[in-house]
Amino acid sequence: MNGLYTYPGGRIAGKGCTVQYLIMVAFNLQQFQISGGPEWINLLSGDHFDLEAKPSETSASARSNPALAKLPPNEEQRAMLQSLLAERFQLRFHRDAKEGSVYVLTKSRGPLQLVAPKDPKAFPWAGGITGGWFGGGMRGENISMPQLAARLSRFLERPVLDRTGIDGSYDFEFRFGGDDNDADIPGFLMTAMNGIGLNVKPAKGLVETLVVDHVEHPSEN
């Protein structure tokens, strides 16, 4: 469910994708940044669709060769998805932006506990020690600071702004707590980031949202 993959030659394929998920990918948004629309577009409980698309041979994406199928689409492919949503799902929307609650990711005064990635071609990822929930701590693989900020944003349900000034991708691991770590996600993530030499602090900033004004079930192929 909700899987979109990129392949050499610019081809993209989606399996079991809900409309809200496609909007998230097409506009590079988190779920909390999308509002409006009927229940059938919901990220988890909505109707599922498969899709496959390929750019024209003259496009820049036709020459792309992603190292992993799970890597996110490039900007041209995102534009393709936006067109698909507009043409096939009749998506109409407007954007809203206003000051709200955000988090800021910065370096702390402690030493950085980041190491060079064991596998520089690994999929950029951060999450629980065992790959699921946060029981036992948190780890990251081949992840850059902007990617880490985006990952934290998903868990915290607020924008996370990268202000670390750290370039490159890293592995990290921080073991902390036990099976109850998920009871306080913000508190756990702040502790985990501090454990690897970073800070996550609440702040005020611009929060952008996409409001769905109209959407329909897709037209026939």
N, C-alpha and C. Protein backbone atom coordinates (compact mmCIF):
# COMPACT_ATOMS: atom_id res chain seq x y z
N MET A 1 0.82 -1.19 0.00
CA MET A 1 0.00 0.00 0.00
C MET A 1 0.86 1.25 0.00
N ASN A 2 0.47 2.24 -0.81
CA ASN A 2 1.19 3.51 -0.87
C ASN A 2 2.68 3.33 -1.17
N GLY A 3 2.96 2.75 -2.32
CA GLY A 3 4.35 2.61 -2.75
C GLY A 3 4.52 3.19 -4.14
N LEU A 4 5.47 4.14 -4.26
CA LEU A 4 5.76 4.71 -5.57
C LEU A 4 7.25 4.55 -5.84
N TYR A 5 7.59 4.05 -7.03
CA TYR A 5 8.96 3.67 -7.33
C TYR A 5 9.44 4.35 -8.61
N THR A 6 10.74 4.65 -8.65
CA THR A 6 11.34 5.30 -9.81
C THR A 6 12.34 4.37 -10.46
N TYR A 7 12.35 4.37 -11.80
CA TYR A 7 13.18 3.43 -12.54
C TYR A 7 13.99 4.16 -13.61
N PRO A 8 15.05 3.51 -14.13
CA PRO A 8 15.82 4.13 -15.21
C PRO A 8 14.92 4.51 -16.38
N GLY A 9 15.28 5.61 -17.03
CA GLY A 9 14.50 6.09 -18.14
C GLY A 9 13.35 6.98 -17.73
N GLY A 10 13.27 7.28 -16.42
CA GLY A 10 12.24 8.19 -15.94
C GLY A 10 10.92 7.56 -15.60
N ARG A 11 10.81 6.23 -15.78
CA ARG A 11 9.53 5.57 -15.51
C ARG A 11 9.23 5.58 -14.02
N ILE A 12 7.96 5.84 -13.68
CA ILE A 12 7.51 5.73 -12.30
C ILE A 12 6.34 4.78 -12.25
N ALA A 13 6.23 4.04 -11.15
CA ALA A 13 5.14 3.09 -10.98
C ALA A 13 4.65 3.16 -9.55
N GLY A 14 3.33 3.17 -9.39
CA GLY A 14 2.73 3.22 -8.06
C GLY A 14 1.87 2.01 -7.82
N LYS A 15 1.93 1.48 -6.61
CA LYS A 15 1.13 0.31 -6.23
C LYS A 15 0.29 0.66 -5.01
N GLY A 16 -1.01 0.48 -5.13
CA GLY A 16 -1.90 0.69 -4.01
C GLY A 16 -1.85 2.10 -3.44
N CYS A 17 -1.77 3.10 -4.28
CA CYS A 17 -1.60 4.49 -3.84
C CYS A 17 -2.95 5.17 -3.60
N THR A 18 -3.07 5.82 -2.46
CA THR A 18 -4.24 6.66 -2.22
C THR A 18 -3.96 8.04 -2.80
N VAL A 19 -5.01 8.81 -3.02
CA VAL A 19 -4.85 10.14 -3.62
C VAL A 19 -4.06 11.05 -2.69
N GLN A 20 -4.31 10.96 -1.40
CA GLN A 20 -3.57 11.82 -0.47
C GLN A 20 -2.07 11.50 -0.52
N TYR A 21 -1.74 10.22 -0.65
CA TYR A 21 -0.33 9.85 -0.79
C TYR A 21 0.27 10.43 -2.07
N LEU A 22 -0.46 10.36 -3.17
CA LEU A 22 0.03 10.91 -4.43
C LEU A 22 0.23 12.42 -4.33
N ILE A 23 -0.67 13.09 -3.62
CA ILE A 23 -0.50 14.53 -3.41
C ILE A 23 0.76 14.80 -2.60
N MET A 24 1.00 14.00 -1.56
CA MET A 24 2.19 14.16 -0.74
C MET A 24 3.46 14.04 -1.58
N VAL A 25 3.49 13.03 -2.45
CA VAL A 25 4.68 12.82 -3.28
C VAL A 25 4.80 13.91 -4.35
N ALA A 26 3.70 14.22 -5.01
CA ALA A 26 3.73 15.17 -6.12
C ALA A 26 4.14 16.57 -5.68
N PHE A 27 3.72 16.97 -4.48
CA PHE A 27 4.00 18.33 -4.01
C PHE A 27 5.02 18.36 -2.88
N ASN A 28 5.61 17.19 -2.57
CA ASN A 28 6.65 17.09 -1.54
C ASN A 28 6.14 17.64 -0.20
N LEU A 29 5.01 17.10 0.25
CA LEU A 29 4.37 17.53 1.48
C LEU A 29 4.23 16.36 2.45
N GLN A 30 4.01 16.70 3.72
CA GLN A 30 3.64 15.71 4.73
C GLN A 30 2.12 15.67 4.84
N GLN A 31 1.59 14.61 5.44
CA GLN A 31 0.14 14.47 5.53
C GLN A 31 -0.49 15.63 6.27
N PHE A 32 0.15 16.13 7.33
CA PHE A 32 -0.45 17.20 8.12
C PHE A 32 -0.53 18.52 7.35
N GLN A 33 0.12 18.59 6.18
CA GLN A 33 0.08 19.80 5.36
C GLN A 33 -1.03 19.76 4.32
N ILE A 34 -1.88 18.72 4.35
CA ILE A 34 -2.97 18.57 3.38
C ILE A 34 -4.28 18.56 4.14
N SER A 35 -5.23 19.35 3.67
CA SER A 35 -6.55 19.38 4.31
C SER A 35 -7.64 19.40 3.24
N GLY A 36 -8.86 19.07 3.66
CA GLY A 36 -9.98 19.07 2.73
C GLY A 36 -10.07 17.77 1.95
N GLY A 37 -11.10 17.68 1.15
CA GLY A 37 -11.30 16.50 0.30
C GLY A 37 -12.15 15.44 0.97
N PRO A 38 -12.75 14.54 0.18
CA PRO A 38 -13.60 13.47 0.72
C PRO A 38 -12.79 12.38 1.40
N GLU A 39 -13.48 11.53 2.14
CA GLU A 39 -12.81 10.48 2.91
C GLU A 39 -12.09 9.47 2.00
N TRP A 40 -12.58 9.29 0.76
CA TRP A 40 -11.99 8.24 -0.08
C TRP A 40 -10.58 8.57 -0.55
N ILE A 41 -10.07 9.78 -0.30
CA ILE A 41 -8.69 10.11 -0.67
C ILE A 41 -7.73 9.92 0.50
N ASN A 42 -8.23 9.57 1.69
CA ASN A 42 -7.41 9.51 2.90
C ASN A 42 -6.18 8.62 2.74
N LEU A 43 -5.09 9.03 3.35
CA LEU A 43 -3.80 8.35 3.21
C LEU A 43 -3.88 6.86 3.53
N LEU A 44 -4.55 6.50 4.62
CA LEU A 44 -4.56 5.11 5.06
C LEU A 44 -5.84 4.37 4.73
N SER A 45 -6.99 5.06 4.82
CA SER A 45 -8.26 4.38 4.64
C SER A 45 -8.92 4.63 3.30
N GLY A 46 -8.28 5.42 2.44
CA GLY A 46 -8.88 5.77 1.17
C GLY A 46 -8.79 4.68 0.11
N ASP A 47 -9.39 4.94 -1.05
CA ASP A 47 -9.33 4.02 -2.18
C ASP A 47 -7.91 3.96 -2.73
N HIS A 48 -7.54 2.77 -3.21
CA HIS A 48 -6.19 2.55 -3.72
C HIS A 48 -6.17 2.49 -5.24
N PHE A 49 -5.08 2.99 -5.81
CA PHE A 49 -4.93 3.01 -7.27
C PHE A 49 -3.51 2.61 -7.64
N ASP A 50 -3.38 1.94 -8.77
CA ASP A 50 -2.07 1.64 -9.36
C ASP A 50 -1.85 2.60 -10.52
N LEU A 51 -0.61 2.96 -10.75
CA LEU A 51 -0.32 3.85 -11.88
C LEU A 51 1.05 3.53 -12.46
N GLU A 52 1.22 3.88 -13.71
CA GLU A 52 2.51 3.76 -14.38
C GLU A 52 2.61 4.88 -15.40
N ALA A 53 3.74 5.56 -15.41
CA ALA A 53 3.93 6.68 -16.32
C ALA A 53 5.39 6.74 -16.76
N LYS A 54 5.58 7.29 -17.95
CA LYS A 54 6.92 7.43 -18.49
C LYS A 54 7.01 8.76 -19.22
N PRO A 55 8.08 9.51 -19.01
CA PRO A 55 8.21 10.81 -19.68
C PRO A 55 8.58 10.64 -21.15
N SER A 56 8.47 11.72 -21.89
CA SER A 56 8.86 11.67 -23.30
C SER A 56 10.36 11.45 -23.40
N GLU A 57 10.79 10.93 -24.53
CA GLU A 57 12.21 10.62 -24.72
C GLU A 57 13.09 11.87 -24.74
N THR A 58 12.49 13.02 -24.95
CA THR A 58 13.27 14.27 -25.00
C THR A 58 13.39 14.94 -23.63
N SER A 59 12.73 14.40 -22.62
CA SER A 59 12.78 15.01 -21.30
C SER A 59 14.07 14.67 -20.58
N ALA A 60 14.42 15.49 -19.60
CA ALA A 60 15.63 15.24 -18.80
C ALA A 60 15.48 13.95 -18.00
N SER A 61 14.27 13.66 -17.53
CA SER A 61 14.04 12.46 -16.72
C SER A 61 14.26 11.18 -17.50
N ALA A 62 14.13 11.23 -18.83
CA ALA A 62 14.34 10.04 -19.65
C ALA A 62 15.78 9.55 -19.55
N ARG A 63 16.68 10.42 -19.12
CA ARG A 63 18.08 10.05 -18.96
C ARG A 63 18.45 9.75 -17.52
N SER A 64 17.45 9.72 -16.63
CA SER A 64 17.74 9.46 -15.22
C SER A 64 18.00 7.98 -14.98
N ASN A 65 18.80 7.69 -13.96
CA ASN A 65 19.14 6.31 -13.65
C ASN A 65 19.28 6.17 -12.13
N PRO A 66 18.15 6.18 -11.40
CA PRO A 66 18.21 6.13 -9.93
C PRO A 66 18.87 4.86 -9.44
N ALA A 67 19.67 4.99 -8.40
CA ALA A 67 20.38 3.83 -7.85
C ALA A 67 19.43 2.85 -7.16
N LEU A 68 18.33 3.38 -6.61
CA LEU A 68 17.35 2.55 -5.91
C LEU A 68 15.95 2.93 -6.38
N ALA A 69 15.09 1.95 -6.55
CA ALA A 69 13.72 2.22 -6.99
C ALA A 69 12.93 3.01 -5.95
N LYS A 70 13.33 2.89 -4.67
CA LYS A 70 12.59 3.58 -3.60
C LYS A 70 12.95 5.05 -3.48
N LEU A 71 13.94 5.53 -4.23
CA LEU A 71 14.30 6.94 -4.14
C LEU A 71 13.15 7.80 -4.65
N PRO A 72 12.97 8.99 -4.06
CA PRO A 72 11.83 9.84 -4.46
C PRO A 72 11.98 10.35 -5.89
N PRO A 73 10.88 10.73 -6.52
CA PRO A 73 10.94 11.24 -7.88
C PRO A 73 11.65 12.59 -7.93
N ASN A 74 12.19 12.92 -9.11
CA ASN A 74 12.83 14.23 -9.28
C ASN A 74 11.74 15.28 -9.56
N GLU A 75 12.16 16.52 -9.73
CA GLU A 75 11.18 17.60 -9.89
C GLU A 75 10.33 17.44 -11.14
N GLU A 76 10.93 16.97 -12.23
CA GLU A 76 10.16 16.77 -13.46
C GLU A 76 9.12 15.68 -13.26
N GLN A 77 9.49 14.62 -12.56
CA GLN A 77 8.55 13.54 -12.30
C GLN A 77 7.45 13.99 -11.34
N ARG A 78 7.79 14.85 -10.39
CA ARG A 78 6.76 15.41 -9.51
C ARG A 78 5.74 16.22 -10.33
N ALA A 79 6.26 16.98 -11.30
CA ALA A 79 5.38 17.76 -12.18
C ALA A 79 4.47 16.83 -12.98
N MET A 80 5.00 15.68 -13.41
CA MET A 80 4.18 14.69 -14.10
C MET A 80 3.02 14.22 -13.21
N LEU A 81 3.33 13.95 -11.94
CA LEU A 81 2.30 13.50 -11.01
C LEU A 81 1.25 14.60 -10.77
N GLN A 82 1.71 15.83 -10.69
CA GLN A 82 0.77 16.94 -10.52
C GLN A 82 -0.19 17.02 -11.70
N SER A 83 0.35 16.83 -12.92
CA SER A 83 -0.50 16.84 -14.11
C SER A 83 -1.48 15.68 -14.10
N LEU A 84 -1.02 14.51 -13.68
CA LEU A 84 -1.90 13.34 -13.60
C LEU A 84 -3.05 13.61 -12.63
N LEU A 85 -2.75 14.18 -11.48
CA LEU A 85 -3.79 14.47 -10.49
C LEU A 85 -4.81 15.47 -11.04
N ALA A 86 -4.32 16.45 -11.78
CA ALA A 86 -5.22 17.47 -12.34
C ALA A 86 -6.07 16.91 -13.47
N GLU A 87 -5.48 16.07 -14.33
CA GLU A 87 -6.17 15.60 -15.52
C GLU A 87 -7.04 14.38 -15.26
N ARG A 88 -6.55 13.45 -14.47
CA ARG A 88 -7.29 12.20 -14.26
C ARG A 88 -8.19 12.23 -13.04
N PHE A 89 -7.78 12.97 -11.99
CA PHE A 89 -8.58 13.05 -10.77
C PHE A 89 -9.29 14.40 -10.62
N GLN A 90 -9.10 15.27 -11.61
CA GLN A 90 -9.73 16.60 -11.57
C GLN A 90 -9.41 17.34 -10.27
N LEU A 91 -8.18 17.19 -9.80
CA LEU A 91 -7.77 17.83 -8.55
C LEU A 91 -7.72 19.34 -8.72
N ARG A 92 -8.40 20.05 -7.84
CA ARG A 92 -8.31 21.50 -7.76
C ARG A 92 -7.98 21.85 -6.31
N PHE A 93 -7.12 22.81 -6.11
CA PHE A 93 -6.66 23.11 -4.76
C PHE A 93 -6.22 24.56 -4.67
N HIS A 94 -6.03 25.01 -3.47
CA HIS A 94 -5.35 26.29 -3.25
C HIS A 94 -4.38 26.11 -2.09
N ARG A 95 -3.40 26.98 -2.06
CA ARG A 95 -2.36 26.92 -1.02
C ARG A 95 -2.63 27.98 0.04
N ASP A 96 -2.22 27.64 1.25
CA ASP A 96 -2.34 28.57 2.37
C ASP A 96 -1.02 28.55 3.12
N ALA A 97 -0.60 29.68 3.62
CA ALA A 97 0.64 29.77 4.39
C ALA A 97 0.45 30.81 5.49
N LYS A 98 0.75 30.41 6.71
CA LYS A 98 0.65 31.34 7.82
C LYS A 98 1.61 30.91 8.92
N GLU A 99 1.92 31.83 9.81
CA GLU A 99 2.85 31.53 10.88
C GLU A 99 2.22 30.51 11.83
N GLY A 100 3.03 29.55 12.22
CA GLY A 100 2.55 28.51 13.13
C GLY A 100 3.71 27.85 13.85
N SER A 101 3.42 26.73 14.47
CA SER A 101 4.42 26.01 15.26
C SER A 101 5.29 25.13 14.36
N VAL A 102 6.59 25.23 14.50
CA VAL A 102 7.54 24.42 13.77
C VAL A 102 8.60 23.93 14.76
N TYR A 103 9.51 23.11 14.25
CA TYR A 103 10.71 22.73 15.00
C TYR A 103 11.93 23.13 14.19
N VAL A 104 13.04 23.37 14.89
CA VAL A 104 14.30 23.71 14.24
C VAL A 104 15.34 22.68 14.66
N LEU A 105 16.02 22.10 13.67
CA LEU A 105 17.09 21.13 13.91
C LEU A 105 18.43 21.83 13.82
N THR A 106 19.20 21.81 14.90
CA THR A 106 20.50 22.49 14.96
C THR A 106 21.54 21.58 15.59
N LYS A 107 22.79 21.99 15.54
CA LYS A 107 23.86 21.30 16.26
C LYS A 107 23.78 21.68 17.73
N SER A 108 24.08 20.72 18.60
CA SER A 108 24.15 21.01 20.02
C SER A 108 25.60 21.30 20.39
N ARG A 109 25.85 21.54 21.66
CA ARG A 109 27.22 21.81 22.11
C ARG A 109 28.03 20.51 22.28
N GLY A 110 27.34 19.39 22.30
CA GLY A 110 28.02 18.11 22.47
C GLY A 110 28.65 17.62 21.18
N PRO A 111 29.49 16.58 21.27
CA PRO A 111 30.14 16.04 20.08
C PRO A 111 29.13 15.35 19.16
N LEU A 112 29.35 15.48 17.87
CA LEU A 112 28.48 14.81 16.91
C LEU A 112 28.76 13.31 16.89
N GLN A 113 27.71 12.53 17.01
CA GLN A 113 27.82 11.08 16.95
C GLN A 113 27.31 10.58 15.59
N LEU A 114 27.88 11.15 14.55
CA LEU A 114 27.54 10.79 13.18
C LEU A 114 28.77 10.17 12.53
N VAL A 115 28.57 9.09 11.79
CA VAL A 115 29.69 8.42 11.13
C VAL A 115 29.42 8.30 9.64
N ALA A 116 30.48 8.13 8.88
CA ALA A 116 30.33 7.94 7.43
C ALA A 116 29.45 6.72 7.16
N PRO A 117 28.58 6.78 6.16
CA PRO A 117 27.66 5.67 5.91
C PRO A 117 28.39 4.38 5.56
N LYS A 118 27.95 3.31 6.19
CA LYS A 118 28.52 1.99 5.90
C LYS A 118 28.27 1.61 4.45
N ASP A 119 27.10 1.99 3.94
CA ASP A 119 26.75 1.74 2.55
C ASP A 119 26.29 3.06 1.93
N PRO A 120 27.16 3.74 1.18
CA PRO A 120 26.78 5.03 0.58
C PRO A 120 25.65 4.94 -0.44
N LYS A 121 25.27 3.73 -0.84
CA LYS A 121 24.18 3.56 -1.79
C LYS A 121 22.88 3.12 -1.12
N ALA A 122 22.91 3.03 0.22
CA ALA A 122 21.72 2.59 0.95
C ALA A 122 20.61 3.63 0.86
N PHE A 123 19.38 3.18 1.00
CA PHE A 123 18.25 4.10 0.99
C PHE A 123 18.32 5.00 2.22
N PRO A 124 18.24 6.33 2.06
CA PRO A 124 18.31 7.24 3.21
C PRO A 124 17.12 7.01 4.14
N TRP A 125 17.41 6.75 5.42
CA TRP A 125 16.33 6.33 6.32
C TRP A 125 16.70 6.64 7.75
N ALA A 126 15.69 6.89 8.59
CA ALA A 126 15.87 7.02 10.03
C ALA A 126 14.60 6.52 10.71
N GLY A 127 14.77 5.80 11.82
CA GLY A 127 13.62 5.27 12.54
C GLY A 127 14.08 4.47 13.75
N GLY A 128 13.25 3.53 14.15
CA GLY A 128 13.55 2.73 15.32
C GLY A 128 14.75 1.81 15.12
N ILE A 129 15.33 1.36 16.21
CA ILE A 129 16.50 0.49 16.18
C ILE A 129 16.24 -0.75 15.33
N THR A 130 15.06 -1.34 15.48
CA THR A 130 14.74 -2.57 14.75
C THR A 130 14.02 -2.30 13.44
N GLY A 131 13.85 -1.02 13.10
CA GLY A 131 13.18 -0.67 11.86
C GLY A 131 11.71 -0.37 12.00
N GLY A 132 11.14 -0.64 13.18
CA GLY A 132 9.73 -0.37 13.40
C GLY A 132 9.54 0.84 14.30
N TRP A 133 8.90 0.62 15.47
CA TRP A 133 8.68 1.71 16.41
C TRP A 133 9.98 2.05 17.13
N PHE A 134 9.91 2.98 18.07
CA PHE A 134 11.12 3.52 18.68
C PHE A 134 11.58 2.77 19.93
N GLY A 135 11.02 1.62 20.20
CA GLY A 135 11.45 0.84 21.35
C GLY A 135 12.95 0.57 21.30
N GLY A 136 13.66 1.02 22.31
CA GLY A 136 15.11 0.76 22.40
C GLY A 136 15.98 1.84 21.82
N GLY A 137 15.42 2.77 21.06
CA GLY A 137 16.24 3.86 20.53
C GLY A 137 15.97 4.17 19.07
N MET A 138 16.93 4.82 18.46
CA MET A 138 16.76 5.31 17.09
C MET A 138 18.07 5.15 16.33
N ARG A 139 17.96 4.91 15.03
CA ARG A 139 19.14 4.82 14.19
C ARG A 139 18.85 5.45 12.83
N GLY A 140 19.91 5.78 12.11
CA GLY A 140 19.78 6.33 10.77
C GLY A 140 20.80 5.71 9.84
N GLU A 141 20.46 5.65 8.56
CA GLU A 141 21.35 5.06 7.56
C GLU A 141 21.47 5.99 6.36
N ASN A 142 22.68 6.38 6.03
CA ASN A 142 22.99 7.14 4.83
C ASN A 142 22.05 8.33 4.66
N ILE A 143 21.81 9.07 5.73
CA ILE A 143 20.82 10.13 5.71
C ILE A 143 21.47 11.50 5.88
N SER A 144 21.05 12.45 5.06
CA SER A 144 21.54 13.83 5.17
C SER A 144 20.69 14.59 6.18
N MET A 145 21.16 15.76 6.58
CA MET A 145 20.41 16.54 7.55
C MET A 145 19.07 17.03 7.01
N PRO A 146 18.97 17.50 5.74
CA PRO A 146 17.64 17.85 5.22
C PRO A 146 16.70 16.65 5.19
N GLN A 147 17.23 15.47 4.86
CA GLN A 147 16.40 14.27 4.84
C GLN A 147 15.98 13.88 6.25
N LEU A 148 16.89 14.04 7.22
CA LEU A 148 16.56 13.75 8.61
C LEU A 148 15.47 14.71 9.11
N ALA A 149 15.59 15.99 8.75
CA ALA A 149 14.58 16.97 9.15
C ALA A 149 13.21 16.58 8.59
N ALA A 150 13.17 16.15 7.33
CA ALA A 150 11.91 15.74 6.72
C ALA A 150 11.34 14.50 7.41
N ARG A 151 12.22 13.58 7.79
CA ARG A 151 11.78 12.36 8.48
C ARG A 151 11.22 12.71 9.86
N LEU A 152 11.90 13.59 10.59
CA LEU A 152 11.41 14.02 11.90
C LEU A 152 10.07 14.74 11.77
N SER A 153 9.91 15.50 10.70
CA SER A 153 8.67 16.22 10.47
C SER A 153 7.49 15.26 10.37
N ARG A 154 7.72 14.13 9.77
CA ARG A 154 6.65 13.13 9.64
C ARG A 154 6.21 12.64 11.02
N PHE A 155 7.18 12.38 11.91
CA PHE A 155 6.86 11.88 13.23
C PHE A 155 6.25 12.95 14.13
N LEU A 156 6.76 14.19 14.01
CA LEU A 156 6.34 15.27 14.88
C LEU A 156 5.08 15.99 14.39
N GLU A 157 4.71 15.74 13.13
CA GLU A 157 3.53 16.35 12.51
C GLU A 157 3.60 17.88 12.54
N ARG A 158 4.79 18.38 12.35
CA ARG A 158 5.05 19.81 12.18
C ARG A 158 6.26 19.95 11.26
N PRO A 159 6.39 21.07 10.57
CA PRO A 159 7.60 21.28 9.77
C PRO A 159 8.85 21.28 10.67
N VAL A 160 9.90 20.64 10.21
CA VAL A 160 11.20 20.67 10.89
C VAL A 160 12.19 21.32 9.94
N LEU A 161 12.80 22.41 10.36
CA LEU A 161 13.71 23.19 9.53
C LEU A 161 15.14 22.81 9.84
N ASP A 162 15.89 22.43 8.81
CA ASP A 162 17.30 22.08 9.00
C ASP A 162 18.15 23.33 9.10
N ARG A 163 18.75 23.54 10.26
CA ARG A 163 19.65 24.67 10.48
C ARG A 163 20.99 24.17 11.03
N THR A 164 21.33 22.92 10.70
CA THR A 164 22.56 22.35 11.24
C THR A 164 23.81 22.85 10.52
N GLY A 165 23.70 23.16 9.23
CA GLY A 165 24.87 23.52 8.45
C GLY A 165 25.79 22.35 8.17
N ILE A 166 25.29 21.13 8.36
CA ILE A 166 26.10 19.92 8.17
C ILE A 166 25.83 19.34 6.78
N ASP A 167 26.88 19.17 6.00
CA ASP A 167 26.75 18.58 4.67
C ASP A 167 27.02 17.09 4.72
N GLY A 168 26.60 16.38 3.67
CA GLY A 168 26.89 14.96 3.55
C GLY A 168 25.82 14.09 4.18
N SER A 169 26.01 12.77 4.04
CA SER A 169 25.09 11.78 4.59
C SER A 169 25.81 10.92 5.63
N TYR A 170 25.05 10.42 6.62
CA TYR A 170 25.66 9.75 7.76
C TYR A 170 24.81 8.59 8.25
N ASP A 171 25.48 7.70 9.00
CA ASP A 171 24.83 6.69 9.82
C ASP A 171 24.89 7.17 11.27
N PHE A 172 23.90 6.76 12.06
CA PHE A 172 23.97 7.02 13.50
C PHE A 172 23.12 5.99 14.23
N GLU A 173 23.39 5.85 15.52
CA GLU A 173 22.59 4.97 16.37
C GLU A 173 22.63 5.51 17.80
N PHE A 174 21.46 5.58 18.42
CA PHE A 174 21.36 6.03 19.79
C PHE A 174 20.38 5.12 20.52
N ARG A 175 20.88 4.37 21.48
CA ARG A 175 20.04 3.45 22.25
C ARG A 175 19.59 4.14 23.53
N PHE A 176 18.27 4.09 23.75
CA PHE A 176 17.72 4.83 24.87
C PHE A 176 16.34 4.29 25.22
N GLY A 177 16.03 4.22 26.50
CA GLY A 177 14.69 3.87 26.95
C GLY A 177 14.33 2.42 26.68
N GLY A 178 13.02 2.19 26.54
CA GLY A 178 12.53 0.84 26.34
C GLY A 178 11.33 0.81 25.44
N ASP A 179 10.42 -0.13 25.69
CA ASP A 179 9.28 -0.33 24.80
C ASP A 179 8.27 0.81 24.86
N ASP A 180 8.39 1.68 25.88
CA ASP A 180 7.41 2.76 26.02
C ASP A 180 7.86 4.07 25.37
N ASN A 181 8.90 4.02 24.55
CA ASN A 181 9.40 5.25 23.93
C ASN A 181 8.35 5.95 23.08
N ASP A 182 7.43 5.20 22.50
CA ASP A 182 6.43 5.79 21.60
C ASP A 182 5.34 6.55 22.36
N ALA A 183 5.35 6.46 23.69
CA ALA A 183 4.33 7.17 24.47
C ALA A 183 4.52 8.68 24.40
N ASP A 184 5.74 9.12 24.19
CA ASP A 184 6.04 10.55 24.10
C ASP A 184 7.01 10.77 22.94
N ILE A 185 6.47 10.79 21.72
CA ILE A 185 7.31 10.90 20.52
C ILE A 185 8.15 12.18 20.52
N PRO A 186 7.57 13.38 20.78
CA PRO A 186 8.41 14.59 20.77
C PRO A 186 9.54 14.51 21.79
N GLY A 187 9.22 14.06 23.01
CA GLY A 187 10.25 13.96 24.04
C GLY A 187 11.33 12.97 23.67
N PHE A 188 10.93 11.83 23.12
CA PHE A 188 11.91 10.83 22.71
C PHE A 188 12.82 11.35 21.62
N LEU A 189 12.23 11.99 20.59
CA LEU A 189 13.04 12.47 19.47
C LEU A 189 14.02 13.56 19.92
N MET A 190 13.59 14.43 20.84
CA MET A 190 14.50 15.45 21.35
C MET A 190 15.67 14.81 22.08
N THR A 191 15.38 13.78 22.88
CA THR A 191 16.44 13.07 23.60
C THR A 191 17.37 12.34 22.63
N ALA A 192 16.78 11.68 21.62
CA ALA A 192 17.58 10.94 20.65
C ALA A 192 18.49 11.87 19.85
N MET A 193 17.96 13.00 19.40
CA MET A 193 18.79 13.94 18.64
C MET A 193 19.90 14.52 19.50
N ASN A 194 19.60 14.82 20.76
CA ASN A 194 20.64 15.32 21.67
C ASN A 194 21.72 14.27 21.87
N GLY A 195 21.33 13.00 21.84
CA GLY A 195 22.29 11.92 22.01
C GLY A 195 23.27 11.79 20.86
N ILE A 196 22.93 12.33 19.68
CA ILE A 196 23.86 12.26 18.55
C ILE A 196 24.45 13.64 18.22
N GLY A 197 24.27 14.58 19.16
CA GLY A 197 24.90 15.90 18.99
C GLY A 197 24.06 16.93 18.28
N LEU A 198 22.73 16.71 18.23
CA LEU A 198 21.83 17.65 17.58
C LEU A 198 20.75 18.10 18.55
N ASN A 199 20.08 19.18 18.22
CA ASN A 199 18.96 19.69 19.00
C ASN A 199 17.72 19.80 18.15
N VAL A 200 16.57 19.50 18.72
CA VAL A 200 15.28 19.78 18.09
C VAL A 200 14.51 20.68 19.05
N LYS A 201 14.29 21.91 18.63
CA LYS A 201 13.63 22.88 19.50
C LYS A 201 12.38 23.45 18.84
N PRO A 202 11.29 23.65 19.62
CA PRO A 202 10.10 24.29 19.07
C PRO A 202 10.36 25.75 18.74
N ALA A 203 9.71 26.22 17.69
CA ALA A 203 9.87 27.62 17.26
C ALA A 203 8.62 28.03 16.50
N LYS A 204 8.61 29.26 16.03
CA LYS A 204 7.55 29.76 15.17
C LYS A 204 8.10 29.95 13.76
N GLY A 205 7.31 29.62 12.76
CA GLY A 205 7.75 29.77 11.39
C GLY A 205 6.58 29.65 10.43
N LEU A 206 6.88 29.74 9.15
CA LEU A 206 5.84 29.68 8.12
C LEU A 206 5.43 28.22 7.90
N VAL A 207 4.15 27.96 8.00
CA VAL A 207 3.60 26.62 7.78
C VAL A 207 2.76 26.66 6.51
N GLU A 208 3.16 25.90 5.50
CA GLU A 208 2.45 25.86 4.23
C GLU A 208 1.51 24.66 4.19
N THR A 209 0.31 24.87 3.66
CA THR A 209 -0.65 23.79 3.53
C THR A 209 -1.28 23.82 2.13
N LEU A 210 -1.75 22.66 1.71
CA LEU A 210 -2.48 22.52 0.45
C LEU A 210 -3.90 22.12 0.80
N VAL A 211 -4.87 22.90 0.35
CA VAL A 211 -6.27 22.65 0.64
C VAL A 211 -6.95 22.09 -0.61
N VAL A 212 -7.49 20.88 -0.49
CA VAL A 212 -8.18 20.25 -1.63
C VAL A 212 -9.56 20.87 -1.78
N ASP A 213 -9.80 21.51 -2.91
CA ASP A 213 -11.10 22.13 -3.20
C ASP A 213 -12.03 21.19 -3.96
N HIS A 214 -11.46 20.33 -4.80
CA HIS A 214 -12.28 19.43 -5.62
C HIS A 214 -11.42 18.27 -6.07
N VAL A 215 -12.00 17.06 -6.06
CA VAL A 215 -11.32 15.88 -6.57
C VAL A 215 -12.39 14.85 -6.94
N GLU A 216 -12.12 14.08 -7.99
CA GLU A 216 -13.06 13.06 -8.45
C GLU A 216 -12.33 11.73 -8.63
N HIS A 217 -13.10 10.63 -8.64
CA HIS A 217 -12.50 9.36 -9.00
C HIS A 217 -11.95 9.45 -10.43
N PRO A 218 -10.87 8.73 -10.71
CA PRO A 218 -10.21 8.92 -12.01
C PRO A 218 -11.04 8.49 -13.20
N SER A 219 -10.76 9.16 -14.30
CA SER A 219 -11.38 8.78 -15.56
C SER A 219 -10.80 7.44 -16.02
N GLU A 220 -11.48 6.79 -16.95
CA GLU A 220 -11.01 5.51 -17.45
C GLU A 220 -9.71 5.66 -18.21
N ASN A 221 -8.92 4.57 -18.25
CA ASN A 221 -7.66 4.59 -18.99
C ASN A 221 -7.94 4.78 -20.49
